[in-house]
Amino acid sequence: MALSPLGVFRCVILSARQLIFEGEVSSVFITGDRGEYELLPYHYPLIGIISGDVVIDWEKRLLVKGGVVRFFANECTIMVEERSDAAS
């Protein structure tokens, strides 16, 4: 199933060692320091702390210790510290 160009945003997820994910997604679900939230296309700009796993399009779970997220101009950049048991 193809995604609509208006229903996606660019997402890049990096660790100190590698590029973990890069592509267009329709949602990113994050556990932050102040609760859980979902980023959707054209979300209000934000910068936040990640304290739990990251889920991409409700299909791919990335196991992380923590990190930071920035959403601006329909682009999401996430820097994470990977867990040693990080298997997706």
PDB file of N, CA and C in Angstrom:
ATOM      1  N   MET A   1       0.845  -1.178   0.000  1.00  0.00           N
ATOM      2  CA  MET A   1       0.000   0.000   0.000  1.00  0.00           C
ATOM      3  C   MET A   1       0.890   1.240   0.000  1.00  0.00           C
ATOM      4  N   ALA A   2       0.708   2.128  -0.952  1.00  0.00           N
ATOM      5  CA  ALA A   2       1.499   3.349  -1.057  1.00  0.00           C
ATOM      6  C   ALA A   2       0.954   4.418  -0.124  1.00  0.00           C
ATOM      7  N   LEU A   3       1.855   5.163   0.483  1.00  0.00           N
ATOM      8  CA  LEU A   3       1.461   6.246   1.370  1.00  0.00           C
ATOM      9  C   LEU A   3       1.278   7.531   0.576  1.00  0.00           C
ATOM     10  N   SER A   4       0.332   8.329   0.975  1.00  0.00           N
ATOM     11  CA  SER A   4       0.113   9.619   0.352  1.00  0.00           C
ATOM     12  C   SER A   4       1.271  10.549   0.684  1.00  0.00           C
ATOM     13  N   PRO A   5       1.756  11.353  -0.285  1.00  0.00           N
ATOM     14  CA  PRO A   5       2.851  12.281   0.008  1.00  0.00           C
ATOM     15  C   PRO A   5       2.505  13.270   1.124  1.00  0.00           C
ATOM     16  N   LEU A   6       1.222  13.592   1.298  1.00  0.00           N
ATOM     17  CA  LEU A   6       0.831  14.525   2.347  1.00  0.00           C
ATOM     18  C   LEU A   6       0.728  13.842   3.705  1.00  0.00           C
ATOM     19  N   GLY A   7       0.702  12.519   3.729  1.00  0.00           N
ATOM     20  CA  GLY A   7       0.536  11.795   4.976  1.00  0.00           C
ATOM     21  C   GLY A   7       1.813  11.205   5.517  1.00  0.00           C
ATOM     22  N   VAL A   8       2.964  11.761   5.128  1.00  0.00           N
ATOM     23  CA  VAL A   8       4.243  11.237   5.596  1.00  0.00           C
ATOM     24  C   VAL A   8       5.169  12.381   5.995  1.00  0.00           C
ATOM     25  N   PHE A   9       6.207  12.025   6.716  1.00  0.00           N
ATOM     26  CA  PHE A   9       7.271  12.969   7.020  1.00  0.00           C
ATOM     27  C   PHE A   9       8.600  12.224   7.023  1.00  0.00           C
ATOM     28  N   ARG A  10       9.668  12.967   6.875  1.00  0.00           N
ATOM     29  CA  ARG A  10      11.013  12.376   6.844  1.00  0.00           C
ATOM     30  C   ARG A  10      11.454  12.102   8.276  1.00  0.00           C
ATOM     31  N   CYS A  11      12.035  10.923   8.489  1.00  0.00           N
ATOM     32  CA  CYS A  11      12.511  10.533   9.808  1.00  0.00           C
ATOM     33  C   CYS A  11      13.920   9.955   9.695  1.00  0.00           C
ATOM     34  N   VAL A  12      14.815  10.450  10.543  1.00  0.00           N
ATOM     35  CA  VAL A  12      16.182   9.955  10.606  1.00  0.00           C
ATOM     36  C   VAL A  12      16.465   9.601  12.063  1.00  0.00           C
ATOM     37  N   ILE A  13      16.923   8.367  12.289  1.00  0.00           N
ATOM     38  CA  ILE A  13      17.264   7.922  13.637  1.00  0.00           C
ATOM     39  C   ILE A  13      18.723   7.493  13.630  1.00  0.00           C
ATOM     40  N   LEU A  14      19.512   8.105  14.524  1.00  0.00           N
ATOM     41  CA  LEU A  14      20.952   7.879  14.583  1.00  0.00           C
ATOM     42  C   LEU A  14      21.383   7.489  15.981  1.00  0.00           C
ATOM     43  N   SER A  15      22.445   6.708  16.064  1.00  0.00           N
ATOM     44  CA  SER A  15      23.137   6.493  17.332  1.00  0.00           C
ATOM     45  C   SER A  15      24.542   7.053  17.148  1.00  0.00           C
ATOM     46  N   ALA A  16      25.347   6.981  18.183  1.00  0.00           N
ATOM     47  CA  ALA A  16      26.727   7.462  18.067  1.00  0.00           C
ATOM     48  C   ALA A  16      27.528   6.594  17.093  1.00  0.00           C
ATOM     49  N   ARG A  17      27.089   5.366  16.880  1.00  0.00           N
ATOM     50  CA  ARG A  17      27.829   4.427  16.045  1.00  0.00           C
ATOM     51  C   ARG A  17      27.314   4.295  14.616  1.00  0.00           C
ATOM     52  N   GLN A  18      26.003   4.539  14.396  1.00  0.00           N
ATOM     53  CA  GLN A  18      25.458   4.204  13.080  1.00  0.00           C
ATOM     54  C   GLN A  18      24.149   4.923  12.779  1.00  0.00           C
ATOM     55  N   LEU A  19      23.813   4.922  11.492  1.00  0.00           N
ATOM     56  CA  LEU A  19      22.495   5.343  11.043  1.00  0.00           C
ATOM     57  C   LEU A  19      21.572   4.153  11.249  1.00  0.00           C
ATOM     58  N   ILE A  20      20.532   4.317  12.047  1.00  0.00           N
ATOM     59  CA  ILE A  20      19.633   3.216  12.376  1.00  0.00           C
ATOM     60  C   ILE A  20      18.457   3.152  11.412  1.00  0.00           C
ATOM     61  N   PHE A  21      17.905   4.309  11.073  1.00  0.00           N
ATOM     62  CA  PHE A  21      16.736   4.334  10.189  1.00  0.00           C
ATOM     63  C   PHE A  21      16.720   5.663   9.453  1.00  0.00           C
ATOM     64  N   GLU A  22      16.310   5.622   8.183  1.00  0.00           N
ATOM     65  CA  GLU A  22      16.098   6.840   7.405  1.00  0.00           C
ATOM     66  C   GLU A  22      15.011   6.550   6.388  1.00  0.00           C
ATOM     67  N   GLY A  23      13.996   7.399   6.338  1.00  0.00           N
ATOM     68  CA  GLY A  23      12.938   7.212   5.361  1.00  0.00           C
ATOM     69  C   GLY A  23      11.713   8.038   5.675  1.00  0.00           C
ATOM     70  N   GLU A  24      10.689   7.848   4.852  1.00  0.00           N
ATOM     71  CA  GLU A  24       9.418   8.531   5.058  1.00  0.00           C
ATOM     72  C   GLU A  24       8.505   7.628   5.871  1.00  0.00           C
ATOM     73  N   VAL A  25       7.868   8.205   6.877  1.00  0.00           N
ATOM     74  CA  VAL A  25       6.987   7.455   7.771  1.00  0.00           C
ATOM     75  C   VAL A  25       5.686   8.221   7.949  1.00  0.00           C
ATOM     76  N   SER A  26       4.665   7.531   8.460  1.00  0.00           N
ATOM     77  CA  SER A  26       3.395   8.209   8.727  1.00  0.00           C
ATOM     78  C   SER A  26       3.196   8.474  10.215  1.00  0.00           C
ATOM     79  N   SER A  27       3.979   7.790  11.098  1.00  0.00           N
ATOM     80  CA  SER A  27       3.901   8.085  12.525  1.00  0.00           C
ATOM     81  C   SER A  27       5.133   7.559  13.250  1.00  0.00           C
ATOM     82  N   VAL A  28       5.462   8.233  14.345  1.00  0.00           N
ATOM     83  CA  VAL A  28       6.515   7.786  15.253  1.00  0.00           C
ATOM     84  C   VAL A  28       5.953   7.919  16.656  1.00  0.00           C
ATOM     85  N   PHE A  29       5.955   6.816  17.398  1.00  0.00           N
ATOM     86  CA  PHE A  29       5.447   6.796  18.769  1.00  0.00           C
ATOM     87  C   PHE A  29       6.640   6.751  19.710  1.00  0.00           C
ATOM     88  N   ILE A  30       6.647   7.658  20.690  1.00  0.00           N
ATOM     89  CA  ILE A  30       7.799   7.836  21.579  1.00  0.00           C
ATOM     90  C   ILE A  30       7.341   7.851  23.026  1.00  0.00           C
ATOM     91  N   THR A  31       8.132   7.214  23.880  1.00  0.00           N
ATOM     92  CA  THR A  31       7.957   7.377  25.318  1.00  0.00           C
ATOM     93  C   THR A  31       8.963   8.425  25.752  1.00  0.00           C
ATOM     94  N   GLY A  32       8.452   9.548  26.220  1.00  0.00           N
ATOM     95  CA  GLY A  32       9.313  10.653  26.616  1.00  0.00           C
ATOM     96  C   GLY A  32       9.396  10.797  28.121  1.00  0.00           C
ATOM     97  N   ASP A  33      10.141  11.781  28.566  1.00  0.00           N
ATOM     98  CA  ASP A  33      10.303  12.018  29.993  1.00  0.00           C
ATOM     99  C   ASP A  33       9.017  12.535  30.645  1.00  0.00           C
ATOM    100  N   ARG A  34       8.069  13.002  29.846  1.00  0.00           N
ATOM    101  CA  ARG A  34       6.801  13.512  30.378  1.00  0.00           C
ATOM    102  C   ARG A  34       5.596  12.725  29.883  1.00  0.00           C
ATOM    103  N   GLY A  35       5.821  11.498  29.426  1.00  0.00           N
ATOM    104  CA  GLY A  35       4.720  10.661  28.963  1.00  0.00           C
ATOM    105  C   GLY A  35       4.940  10.153  27.562  1.00  0.00           C
ATOM    106  N   GLU A  36       3.893   9.558  27.011  1.00  0.00           N
ATOM    107  CA  GLU A  36       3.948   8.988  25.670  1.00  0.00           C
ATOM    108  C   GLU A  36       3.289   9.946  24.675  1.00  0.00           C
ATOM    109  N   TYR A  37       3.821   9.979  23.473  1.00  0.00           N
ATOM    110  CA  TYR A  37       3.202  10.787  22.437  1.00  0.00           C
ATOM    111  C   TYR A  37       3.517  10.230  21.064  1.00  0.00           C
ATOM    112  N   GLU A  38       2.678  10.608  20.123  1.00  0.00           N
ATOM    113  CA  GLU A  38       2.830  10.164  18.741  1.00  0.00           C
ATOM    114  C   GLU A  38       3.054  11.374  17.856  1.00  0.00           C
ATOM    115  N   LEU A  39       4.068  11.301  17.020  1.00  0.00           N
ATOM    116  CA  LEU A  39       4.341  12.355  16.050  1.00  0.00           C
ATOM    117  C   LEU A  39       3.710  11.962  14.728  1.00  0.00           C
ATOM    118  N   LEU A  40       2.944  12.878  14.171  1.00  0.00           N
ATOM    119  CA  LEU A  40       2.267  12.675  12.894  1.00  0.00           C
ATOM    120  C   LEU A  40       2.727  13.753  11.922  1.00  0.00           C
ATOM    121  N   PRO A  41       2.428  13.611  10.625  1.00  0.00           N
ATOM    122  CA  PRO A  41       2.843  14.636   9.661  1.00  0.00           C
ATOM    123  C   PRO A  41       2.389  16.031  10.091  1.00  0.00           C
ATOM    124  N   TYR A  42       3.283  16.986   9.936  1.00  0.00           N
ATOM    125  CA  TYR A  42       3.053  18.402  10.236  1.00  0.00           C
ATOM    126  C   TYR A  42       2.779  18.654  11.709  1.00  0.00           C
ATOM    127  N   HIS A  43       3.351  17.808  12.573  1.00  0.00           N
ATOM    128  CA  HIS A  43       3.247  18.005  14.012  1.00  0.00           C
ATOM    129  C   HIS A  43       3.842  19.360  14.376  1.00  0.00           C
ATOM    130  N   TYR A  44       3.359  19.928  15.461  1.00  0.00           N
ATOM    131  CA  TYR A  44       3.908  21.188  15.967  1.00  0.00           C
ATOM    132  C   TYR A  44       5.393  20.983  16.280  1.00  0.00           C
ATOM    133  N   PRO A  45       6.264  21.949  15.987  1.00  0.00           N
ATOM    134  CA  PRO A  45       7.696  21.787  16.276  1.00  0.00           C
ATOM    135  C   PRO A  45       7.939  21.465  17.755  1.00  0.00           C
ATOM    136  N   LEU A  46       8.885  20.544  17.996  1.00  0.00           N
ATOM    137  CA  LEU A  46       9.199  20.196  19.382  1.00  0.00           C
ATOM    138  C   LEU A  46      10.614  19.668  19.500  1.00  0.00           C
ATOM    139  N   ILE A  47      11.121  19.741  20.717  1.00  0.00           N
ATOM    140  CA  ILE A  47      12.368  19.103  21.113  1.00  0.00           C
ATOM    141  C   ILE A  47      12.050  18.387  22.408  1.00  0.00           C
ATOM    142  N   GLY A  48      12.433  17.098  22.517  1.00  0.00           N
ATOM    143  CA  GLY A  48      12.095  16.352  23.710  1.00  0.00           C
ATOM    144  C   GLY A  48      13.120  15.287  24.055  1.00  0.00           C
ATOM    145  N   ILE A  49      12.973  14.758  25.251  1.00  0.00           N
ATOM    146  CA  ILE A  49      13.839  13.691  25.749  1.00  0.00           C
ATOM    147  C   ILE A  49      13.107  12.367  25.620  1.00  0.00           C
ATOM    148  N   ILE A  50      13.802  11.365  25.118  1.00  0.00           N
ATOM    149  CA  ILE A  50      13.235  10.024  24.970  1.00  0.00           C
ATOM    150  C   ILE A  50      13.721   9.179  26.140  1.00  0.00           C
ATOM    151  N   SER A  51      12.781   8.503  26.791  1.00  0.00           N
ATOM    152  CA  SER A  51      13.162   7.670  27.933  1.00  0.00           C
ATOM    153  C   SER A  51      12.789   6.203  27.726  1.00  0.00           C
ATOM    154  N   GLY A  52      12.281   5.873  26.538  1.00  0.00           N
ATOM    155  CA  GLY A  52      11.890   4.494  26.252  1.00  0.00           C
ATOM    156  C   GLY A  52      11.989   4.210  24.770  1.00  0.00           C
ATOM    157  N   ASP A  53      11.417   3.111  24.361  1.00  0.00           N
ATOM    158  CA  ASP A  53      11.514   2.663  22.975  1.00  0.00           C
ATOM    159  C   ASP A  53      10.820   3.607  21.994  1.00  0.00           C
ATOM    160  N   VAL A  54      11.191   3.475  20.715  1.00  0.00           N
ATOM    161  CA  VAL A  54      10.617   4.249  19.621  1.00  0.00           C
ATOM    162  C   VAL A  54       9.920   3.266  18.681  1.00  0.00           C
ATOM    163  N   VAL A  55       8.686   3.576  18.286  1.00  0.00           N
ATOM    164  CA  VAL A  55       7.933   2.707  17.383  1.00  0.00           C
ATOM    165  C   VAL A  55       7.631   3.483  16.099  1.00  0.00           C
ATOM    166  N   ILE A  56       8.014   2.909  14.967  1.00  0.00           N
ATOM    167  CA  ILE A  56       7.824   3.549  13.666  1.00  0.00           C
ATOM    168  C   ILE A  56       6.638   2.914  12.968  1.00  0.00           C
ATOM    169  N   ASP A  57       5.669   3.722  12.566  1.00  0.00           N
ATOM    170  CA  ASP A  57       4.481   3.269  11.826  1.00  0.00           C
ATOM    171  C   ASP A  57       3.768   2.095  12.503  1.00  0.00           C
ATOM    172  N   TRP A  58       3.838   2.006  13.796  1.00  0.00           N
ATOM    173  CA  TRP A  58       3.191   0.947  14.587  1.00  0.00           C
ATOM    174  C   TRP A  58       3.599  -0.453  14.132  1.00  0.00           C
ATOM    175  N   GLU A  59       4.796  -0.550  13.486  1.00  0.00           N
ATOM    176  CA  GLU A  59       5.275  -1.834  12.988  1.00  0.00           C
ATOM    177  C   GLU A  59       6.676  -2.178  13.474  1.00  0.00           C
ATOM    178  N   LYS A  60       7.557  -1.203  13.515  1.00  0.00           N
ATOM    179  CA  LYS A  60       8.960  -1.454  13.845  1.00  0.00           C
ATOM    180  C   LYS A  60       9.296  -0.798  15.179  1.00  0.00           C
ATOM    181  N   ARG A  61       9.730  -1.617  16.150  1.00  0.00           N
ATOM    182  CA  ARG A  61      10.103  -1.111  17.469  1.00  0.00           C
ATOM    183  C   ARG A  61      11.624  -1.068  17.578  1.00  0.00           C
ATOM    184  N   LEU A  62      12.151   0.100  17.975  1.00  0.00           N
ATOM    185  CA  LEU A  62      13.575   0.264  18.213  1.00  0.00           C
ATOM    186  C   LEU A  62      13.795   0.320  19.717  1.00  0.00           C
ATOM    187  N   LEU A  63      14.592  -0.591  20.230  1.00  0.00           N
ATOM    188  CA  LEU A  63      14.867  -0.649  21.659  1.00  0.00           C
ATOM    189  C   LEU A  63      15.997   0.319  21.982  1.00  0.00           C
ATOM    190  N   VAL A  64      15.704   1.315  22.800  1.00  0.00           N
ATOM    191  CA  VAL A  64      16.699   2.340  23.131  1.00  0.00           C
ATOM    192  C   VAL A  64      16.724   2.595  24.632  1.00  0.00           C
ATOM    193  N   LYS A  65      17.897   3.027  25.122  1.00  0.00           N
ATOM    194  CA  LYS A  65      18.029   3.433  26.525  1.00  0.00           C
ATOM    195  C   LYS A  65      17.446   4.821  26.724  1.00  0.00           C
ATOM    196  N   GLY A  66      17.651   5.673  25.758  1.00  0.00           N
ATOM    197  CA  GLY A  66      17.197   7.059  25.845  1.00  0.00           C
ATOM    198  C   GLY A  66      17.681   7.826  24.642  1.00  0.00           C
ATOM    199  N   GLY A  67      17.370   9.113  24.628  1.00  0.00           N
ATOM    200  CA  GLY A  67      17.809   9.939  23.515  1.00  0.00           C
ATOM    201  C   GLY A  67      17.080  11.265  23.481  1.00  0.00           C
ATOM    202  N   VAL A  68      17.183  11.936  22.343  1.00  0.00           N
ATOM    203  CA  VAL A  68      16.501  13.210  22.127  1.00  0.00           C
ATOM    204  C   VAL A  68      15.813  13.181  20.764  1.00  0.00           C
ATOM    205  N   VAL A  69      14.723  13.936  20.665  1.00  0.00           N
ATOM    206  CA  VAL A  69      13.972  14.025  19.418  1.00  0.00           C
ATOM    207  C   VAL A  69      13.777  15.493  19.061  1.00  0.00           C
ATOM    208  N   ARG A  70      13.832  15.777  17.769  1.00  0.00           N
ATOM    209  CA  ARG A  70      13.545  17.125  17.258  1.00  0.00           C
ATOM    210  C   ARG A  70      12.611  16.960  16.075  1.00  0.00           C
ATOM    211  N   PHE A  71      11.487  17.655  16.113  1.00  0.00           N
ATOM    212  CA  PHE A  71      10.562  17.665  14.985  1.00  0.00           C
ATOM    213  C   PHE A  71      10.414  19.104  14.539  1.00  0.00           C
ATOM    214  N   PHE A  72      10.753  19.369  13.272  1.00  0.00           N
ATOM    215  CA  PHE A  72      10.671  20.722  12.739  1.00  0.00           C
ATOM    216  C   PHE A  72      10.538  20.632  11.232  1.00  0.00           C
ATOM    217  N   ALA A  73       9.647  21.442  10.654  1.00  0.00           N
ATOM    218  CA  ALA A  73       9.455  21.530   9.200  1.00  0.00           C
ATOM    219  C   ALA A  73       9.178  20.159   8.584  1.00  0.00           C
ATOM    220  N   ASN A  74       8.325  19.391   9.243  1.00  0.00           N
ATOM    221  CA  ASN A  74       7.913  18.057   8.797  1.00  0.00           C
ATOM    222  C   ASN A  74       9.080  17.077   8.661  1.00  0.00           C
ATOM    223  N   GLU A  75      10.104  17.274   9.493  1.00  0.00           N
ATOM    224  CA  GLU A  75      11.229  16.353   9.569  1.00  0.00           C
ATOM    225  C   GLU A  75      11.505  16.010  11.027  1.00  0.00           C
ATOM    226  N   CYS A  76      11.727  14.727  11.278  1.00  0.00           N
ATOM    227  CA  CYS A  76      11.973  14.227  12.622  1.00  0.00           C
ATOM    228  C   CYS A  76      13.388  13.664  12.684  1.00  0.00           C
ATOM    229  N   THR A  77      14.185  14.192  13.605  1.00  0.00           N
ATOM    230  CA  THR A  77      15.534  13.684  13.823  1.00  0.00           C
ATOM    231  C   THR A  77      15.609  13.166  15.241  1.00  0.00           C
ATOM    232  N   ILE A  78      16.060  11.911  15.384  1.00  0.00           N
ATOM    233  CA  ILE A  78      16.125  11.279  16.697  1.00  0.00           C
ATOM    234  C   ILE A  78      17.547  10.759  16.907  1.00  0.00           C
ATOM    235  N   MET A  79      18.163  11.172  18.008  1.00  0.00           N
ATOM    236  CA  MET A  79      19.471  10.659  18.408  1.00  0.00           C
ATOM    237  C   MET A  79      19.237   9.752  19.603  1.00  0.00           C
ATOM    238  N   VAL A  80      19.715   8.510  19.538  1.00  0.00           N
ATOM    239  CA  VAL A  80      19.437   7.544  20.595  1.00  0.00           C
ATOM    240  C   VAL A  80      20.713   6.883  21.106  1.00  0.00           C
ATOM    241  N   GLU A  81      20.602   6.361  22.332  1.00  0.00           N
ATOM    242  CA  GLU A  81      21.601   5.454  22.875  1.00  0.00           C
ATOM    243  C   GLU A  81      20.969   4.074  22.819  1.00  0.00           C
ATOM    244  N   GLU A  82      21.567   3.183  22.046  1.00  0.00           N
ATOM    245  CA  GLU A  82      21.000   1.851  21.846  1.00  0.00           C
ATOM    246  C   GLU A  82      21.147   0.995  23.099  1.00  0.00           C
ATOM    247  N   ARG A  83      20.184   0.119  23.319  1.00  0.00           N
ATOM    248  CA  ARG A  83      20.292  -0.876  24.385  1.00  0.00           C
ATOM    249  C   ARG A  83      21.163  -2.013  23.893  1.00  0.00           C
ATOM    250  N   SER A  84      21.822  -2.692  24.809  1.00  0.00           N
ATOM    251  CA  SER A  84      22.691  -3.802  24.408  1.00  0.00           C
ATOM    252  C   SER A  84      21.898  -4.979  23.851  1.00  0.00           C
ATOM    253  N   ASP A  85      20.617  -5.086  24.248  1.00  0.00           N
ATOM    254  CA  ASP A  85      19.755  -6.166  23.731  1.00  0.00           C
ATOM    255  C   ASP A  85      18.909  -5.678  22.563  1.00  0.00           C
ATOM    256  N   ALA A  86      19.357  -4.621  21.859  1.00  0.00           N
ATOM    257  CA  ALA A  86      18.573  -3.974  20.807  1.00  0.00           C
ATOM    258  C   ALA A  86      18.414  -4.888  19.601  1.00  0.00           C
ATOM    259  N   ALA A  87      17.282  -5.548  19.548  1.00  0.00           N
ATOM    260  CA  ALA A  87      16.906  -6.362  18.394  1.00  0.00           C
ATOM    261  C   ALA A  87      15.514  -5.948  17.988  1.00  0.00           C
ATOM    262  N   SER A  88      15.297  -5.663  16.705  1.00  0.00           N
ATOM    263  CA  SER A  88      13.974  -5.181  16.291  1.00  0.00           C
ATOM    264  C   SER A  88      13.168  -6.215  15.584  1.00  0.00           C
TER     265      SER A  88
END
